[in-house]
């Protein structure tokens, strides 16, 4: 993400960076280079994406992909909608497959072009984890992989 933000700054475009922090990937503003801190408007939003036995179990019965659904937050959806109502953007860049859960909200509030930067083939990663697991964990991870692939 840092290299991408550097490119945007070099192009002298106005950037609003709404980022998601999680327990696995916490947000630390002080780790952003000083040039970003003064040039990019950063808005951090925490989402608890931790997988628990209860959430994982109920995720089996949800429609769509549990892995994607973990990143959907109504408060963040409202924040994004409010931002798009207040400002017009040429484009919205989603940084991973997991942020695509907000596409419908973005489209309902903006005519901006939406780009998705994906770094991994997420269903393949989960599939590989399933192959190395056994028993119920293998079955569970296989289902998650299949759901991600369909998504």
C-alpha atoms as a PDB file:
ATOM      1  CA  UNK A   1       0.000   0.000   0.000  1.00  0.00           C
ATOM      2  CA  UNK A   2       2.851   2.387   0.788  1.00  0.00           C
ATOM      3  CA  UNK A   3       4.273   2.248  -2.733  1.00  0.00           C
ATOM      4  CA  UNK A   4       0.836   2.811  -4.195  1.00  0.00           C
ATOM      5  CA  UNK A   5       0.256   5.842  -1.971  1.00  0.00           C
ATOM      6  CA  UNK A   6       3.662   7.207  -3.012  1.00  0.00           C
ATOM      7  CA  UNK A   7       2.621   6.947  -6.659  1.00  0.00           C
ATOM      8  CA  UNK A   8      -0.613   8.804  -5.947  1.00  0.00           C
ATOM      9  CA  UNK A   9       1.281  11.549  -4.143  1.00  0.00           C
ATOM     10  CA  UNK A  10       3.736  11.893  -7.030  1.00  0.00           C
ATOM     11  CA  UNK A  11       0.771  12.275  -9.369  1.00  0.00           C
ATOM     12  CA  UNK A  12      -0.384  15.117  -7.106  1.00  0.00           C
ATOM     13  CA  UNK A  13      -3.878  13.768  -6.658  1.00  0.00           C
ATOM     14  CA  UNK A  14      -6.041  14.403  -3.633  1.00  0.00           C
ATOM     15  CA  UNK A  15      -6.334  11.220  -1.560  1.00  0.00           C
ATOM     16  CA  UNK A  16      -8.758  10.225   1.171  1.00  0.00           C
ATOM     17  CA  UNK A  17      -7.577   6.958   2.692  1.00  0.00           C
ATOM     18  CA  UNK A  18     -10.196   5.073   4.669  1.00  0.00           C
ATOM     19  CA  UNK A  19      -8.469   2.106   6.192  1.00  0.00           C
ATOM     20  CA  UNK A  20      -9.639  -0.852   8.183  1.00  0.00           C
ATOM     21  CA  UNK A  21      -7.672  -1.978  11.195  1.00  0.00           C
ATOM     22  CA  UNK A  22      -8.104  -5.332  12.874  1.00  0.00           C
ATOM     23  CA  UNK A  23      -6.493  -7.139  15.778  1.00  0.00           C
ATOM     24  CA  UNK A  24      -4.267  -8.950  13.270  1.00  0.00           C
ATOM     25  CA  UNK A  25      -3.452  -5.718  11.391  1.00  0.00           C
ATOM     26  CA  UNK A  26      -3.717  -2.766  13.817  1.00  0.00           C
ATOM     27  CA  UNK A  27      -3.499   0.811  12.601  1.00  0.00           C
ATOM     28  CA  UNK A  28      -0.628   2.928  13.842  1.00  0.00           C
ATOM     29  CA  UNK A  29      -0.622   6.435  12.403  1.00  0.00           C
ATOM     30  CA  UNK A  30       2.961   7.000  13.527  1.00  0.00           C
ATOM     31  CA  UNK A  31       4.136   4.249  11.139  1.00  0.00           C
ATOM     32  CA  UNK A  32       2.931   6.238   8.124  1.00  0.00           C
ATOM     33  CA  UNK A  33       5.757   8.249   6.564  1.00  0.00           C
ATOM     34  CA  UNK A  34       5.654  11.937   7.481  1.00  0.00           C
ATOM     35  CA  UNK A  35       4.942  12.905   3.863  1.00  0.00           C
ATOM     36  CA  UNK A  36       1.676  10.926   4.047  1.00  0.00           C
ATOM     37  CA  UNK A  37       0.649  12.347   7.366  1.00  0.00           C
ATOM     38  CA  UNK A  38       0.536  15.848   5.946  1.00  0.00           C
ATOM     39  CA  UNK A  39      -0.625  14.992   2.404  1.00  0.00           C
ATOM     40  CA  UNK A  40      -3.214  12.250   2.790  1.00  0.00           C
ATOM     41  CA  UNK A  41      -6.409  12.472   4.760  1.00  0.00           C
ATOM     42  CA  UNK A  42      -6.428   9.178   6.688  1.00  0.00           C
ATOM     43  CA  UNK A  43      -9.554   7.820   8.365  1.00  0.00           C
ATOM     44  CA  UNK A  44      -9.101   4.615  10.320  1.00  0.00           C
ATOM     45  CA  UNK A  45     -11.938   2.289  11.241  1.00  0.00           C
ATOM     46  CA  UNK A  46     -11.512  -0.735  13.526  1.00  0.00           C
ATOM     47  CA  UNK A  47     -13.402  -3.948  12.756  1.00  0.00           C
ATOM     48  CA  UNK A  48     -13.269  -7.053  14.915  1.00  0.00           C
ATOM     49  CA  UNK A  49     -12.632  -9.741  12.297  1.00  0.00           C
ATOM     50  CA  UNK A  50     -11.384 -12.339  14.748  1.00  0.00           C
ATOM     51  CA  UNK A  51     -12.591 -15.836  14.016  1.00  0.00           C
ATOM     52  CA  UNK A  52     -14.201 -17.443  17.041  1.00  0.00           C
ATOM     53  CA  UNK A  53     -15.861 -20.823  17.317  1.00  0.00           C
ATOM     54  CA  UNK A  54     -19.295 -19.183  17.606  1.00  0.00           C
ATOM     55  CA  UNK A  55     -18.804 -16.807  14.666  1.00  0.00           C
ATOM     56  CA  UNK A  56     -17.291 -19.566  12.567  1.00  0.00           C
ATOM     57  CA  UNK A  57     -20.182 -21.908  13.318  1.00  0.00           C
ATOM     58  CA  UNK A  58     -22.865 -19.361  12.465  1.00  0.00           C
ATOM     59  CA  UNK A  59     -20.859 -18.344   9.413  1.00  0.00           C
ATOM     60  CA  UNK A  60     -21.568 -21.801   8.001  1.00  0.00           C
ATOM     61  CA  UNK A  61     -25.231 -20.843   7.702  1.00  0.00           C
ATOM     62  CA  UNK A  62     -24.814 -17.339   6.284  1.00  0.00           C
ATOM     63  CA  UNK A  63     -25.184 -16.632   2.615  1.00  0.00           C
ATOM     64  CA  UNK A  64     -22.043 -15.625   0.789  1.00  0.00           C
ATOM     65  CA  UNK A  65     -18.512 -15.999   2.062  1.00  0.00           C
ATOM     66  CA  UNK A  66     -17.861 -15.912   5.795  1.00  0.00           C
ATOM     67  CA  UNK A  67     -14.353 -14.603   5.093  1.00  0.00           C
ATOM     68  CA  UNK A  68     -15.831 -11.622   3.211  1.00  0.00           C
ATOM     69  CA  UNK A  69     -18.735 -11.088   5.622  1.00  0.00           C
ATOM     70  CA  UNK A  70     -16.295 -10.674   8.535  1.00  0.00           C
ATOM     71  CA  UNK A  71     -15.124  -7.395   6.987  1.00  0.00           C
ATOM     72  CA  UNK A  72     -18.563  -5.874   6.567  1.00  0.00           C
ATOM     73  CA  UNK A  73     -19.433  -3.268   9.173  1.00  0.00           C
ATOM     74  CA  UNK A  74     -22.572  -1.135   9.069  1.00  0.00           C
ATOM     75  CA  UNK A  75     -20.827   1.794  10.758  1.00  0.00           C
ATOM     76  CA  UNK A  76     -18.056   1.780   8.159  1.00  0.00           C
ATOM     77  CA  UNK A  77     -20.637   1.447   5.405  1.00  0.00           C
ATOM     78  CA  UNK A  78     -22.336   4.589   6.742  1.00  0.00           C
ATOM     79  CA  UNK A  79     -18.987   6.413   6.945  1.00  0.00           C
ATOM     80  CA  UNK A  80     -18.175   5.550   3.350  1.00  0.00           C
ATOM     81  CA  UNK A  81     -21.650   6.613   2.219  1.00  0.00           C
ATOM     82  CA  UNK A  82     -21.357   9.906   4.079  1.00  0.00           C
ATOM     83  CA  UNK A  83     -17.920  10.564   2.547  1.00  0.00           C
ATOM     84  CA  UNK A  84     -19.243   9.907  -0.951  1.00  0.00           C
ATOM     85  CA  UNK A  85     -22.254  12.163  -0.369  1.00  0.00           C
ATOM     86  CA  UNK A  86     -19.997  15.006   0.791  1.00  0.00           C
ATOM     87  CA  UNK A  87     -17.251  14.708  -1.834  1.00  0.00           C
ATOM     88  CA  UNK A  88     -17.008  13.671  -5.452  1.00  0.00           C
ATOM     89  CA  UNK A  89     -14.190  11.299  -6.359  1.00  0.00           C
ATOM     90  CA  UNK A  90     -12.868  10.265  -9.757  1.00  0.00           C
ATOM     91  CA  UNK A  91     -12.235   6.783  -8.481  1.00  0.00           C
ATOM     92  CA  UNK A  92     -12.510   4.561  -5.444  1.00  0.00           C
ATOM     93  CA  UNK A  93      -9.758   2.015  -4.947  1.00  0.00           C
ATOM     94  CA  UNK A  94     -10.470  -1.070  -2.875  1.00  0.00           C
ATOM     95  CA  UNK A  95      -7.320  -2.633  -1.504  1.00  0.00           C
ATOM     96  CA  UNK A  96      -8.376  -6.280  -1.326  1.00  0.00           C
ATOM     97  CA  UNK A  97     -11.117  -8.746  -2.067  1.00  0.00           C
ATOM     98  CA  UNK A  98     -12.344  -8.305   1.510  1.00  0.00           C
ATOM     99  CA  UNK A  99     -13.250  -4.647   0.937  1.00  0.00           C
ATOM    100  CA  UNK A 100     -15.509  -5.511  -1.990  1.00  0.00           C
ATOM    101  CA  UNK A 101     -18.305  -5.988   0.532  1.00  0.00           C
ATOM    102  CA  UNK A 102     -18.776  -2.199   0.208  1.00  0.00           C
ATOM    103  CA  UNK A 103     -19.196  -2.059  -3.585  1.00  0.00           C
ATOM    104  CA  UNK A 104     -23.001  -1.851  -3.534  1.00  0.00           C
ATOM    105  CA  UNK A 105     -22.846   0.984  -0.996  1.00  0.00           C
ATOM    106  CA  UNK A 106     -20.266   2.841  -3.074  1.00  0.00           C
ATOM    107  CA  UNK A 107     -22.302   2.452  -6.255  1.00  0.00           C
ATOM    108  CA  UNK A 108     -25.450   3.684  -4.540  1.00  0.00           C
ATOM    109  CA  UNK A 109     -23.717   6.930  -3.481  1.00  0.00           C
ATOM    110  CA  UNK A 110     -21.246   7.597  -6.288  1.00  0.00           C
ATOM    111  CA  UNK A 111     -20.610   7.276  -9.995  1.00  0.00           C
ATOM    112  CA  UNK A 112     -16.873   6.935  -9.360  1.00  0.00           C
ATOM    113  CA  UNK A 113     -14.947   4.230 -11.148  1.00  0.00           C
ATOM    114  CA  UNK A 114     -14.143   1.415  -8.745  1.00  0.00           C
ATOM    115  CA  UNK A 115     -10.789  -0.358  -8.899  1.00  0.00           C
ATOM    116  CA  UNK A 116      -9.907  -3.426  -6.878  1.00  0.00           C
ATOM    117  CA  UNK A 117      -6.273  -4.199  -6.073  1.00  0.00           C
ATOM    118  CA  UNK A 118      -5.966  -7.839  -5.178  1.00  0.00           C
ATOM    119  CA  UNK A 119      -2.684  -9.278  -4.045  1.00  0.00           C
ATOM    120  CA  UNK A 120      -3.635 -12.877  -3.484  1.00  0.00           C
ATOM    121  CA  UNK A 121      -5.924 -15.495  -4.857  1.00  0.00           C
ATOM    122  CA  UNK A 122      -7.697 -15.797  -1.528  1.00  0.00           C
ATOM    123  CA  UNK A 123      -9.617 -18.994  -2.207  1.00  0.00           C
ATOM    124  CA  UNK A 124      -6.345 -20.701  -3.196  1.00  0.00           C
ATOM    125  CA  UNK A 125      -4.707 -19.729   0.085  1.00  0.00           C
ATOM    126  CA  UNK A 126      -7.642 -21.170   2.045  1.00  0.00           C
ATOM    127  CA  UNK A 127      -7.656 -24.261  -0.162  1.00  0.00           C
ATOM    128  CA  UNK A 128      -3.978 -24.843   0.584  1.00  0.00           C
ATOM    129  CA  UNK A 129      -4.679 -24.475   4.309  1.00  0.00           C
ATOM    130  CA  UNK A 130      -7.455 -27.056   3.976  1.00  0.00           C
ATOM    131  CA  UNK A 131      -5.136 -29.518   2.236  1.00  0.00           C
ATOM    132  CA  UNK A 132      -2.744 -29.319   5.165  1.00  0.00           C
ATOM    133  CA  UNK A 133      -5.479 -29.679   7.792  1.00  0.00           C
ATOM    134  CA  UNK A 134      -7.326 -32.780   8.905  1.00  0.00           C
ATOM    135  CA  UNK A 135     -10.766 -33.767  10.135  1.00  0.00           C
ATOM    136  CA  UNK A 136     -13.405 -31.128  10.789  1.00  0.00           C
ATOM    137  CA  UNK A 137     -10.921 -28.293  10.233  1.00  0.00           C
ATOM    138  CA  UNK A 138     -10.218 -29.593   6.734  1.00  0.00           C
ATOM    139  CA  UNK A 139     -13.930 -29.766   5.912  1.00  0.00           C
ATOM    140  CA  UNK A 140     -14.512 -26.285   7.333  1.00  0.00           C
ATOM    141  CA  UNK A 141     -11.606 -24.695   5.442  1.00  0.00           C
ATOM    142  CA  UNK A 142     -12.664 -26.443   2.231  1.00  0.00           C
ATOM    143  CA  UNK A 143     -16.125 -24.871   2.575  1.00  0.00           C
ATOM    144  CA  UNK A 144     -14.589 -21.437   3.191  1.00  0.00           C
ATOM    145  CA  UNK A 145     -12.390 -21.870   0.130  1.00  0.00           C
ATOM    146  CA  UNK A 146     -15.343 -22.899  -2.037  1.00  0.00           C
ATOM    147  CA  UNK A 147     -17.420 -19.938  -0.815  1.00  0.00           C
ATOM    148  CA  UNK A 148     -14.547 -17.529  -1.542  1.00  0.00           C
ATOM    149  CA  UNK A 149     -14.080 -18.978  -5.012  1.00  0.00           C
ATOM    150  CA  UNK A 150     -17.792 -18.529  -5.780  1.00  0.00           C
ATOM    151  CA  UNK A 151     -17.686 -14.974  -4.415  1.00  0.00           C
END
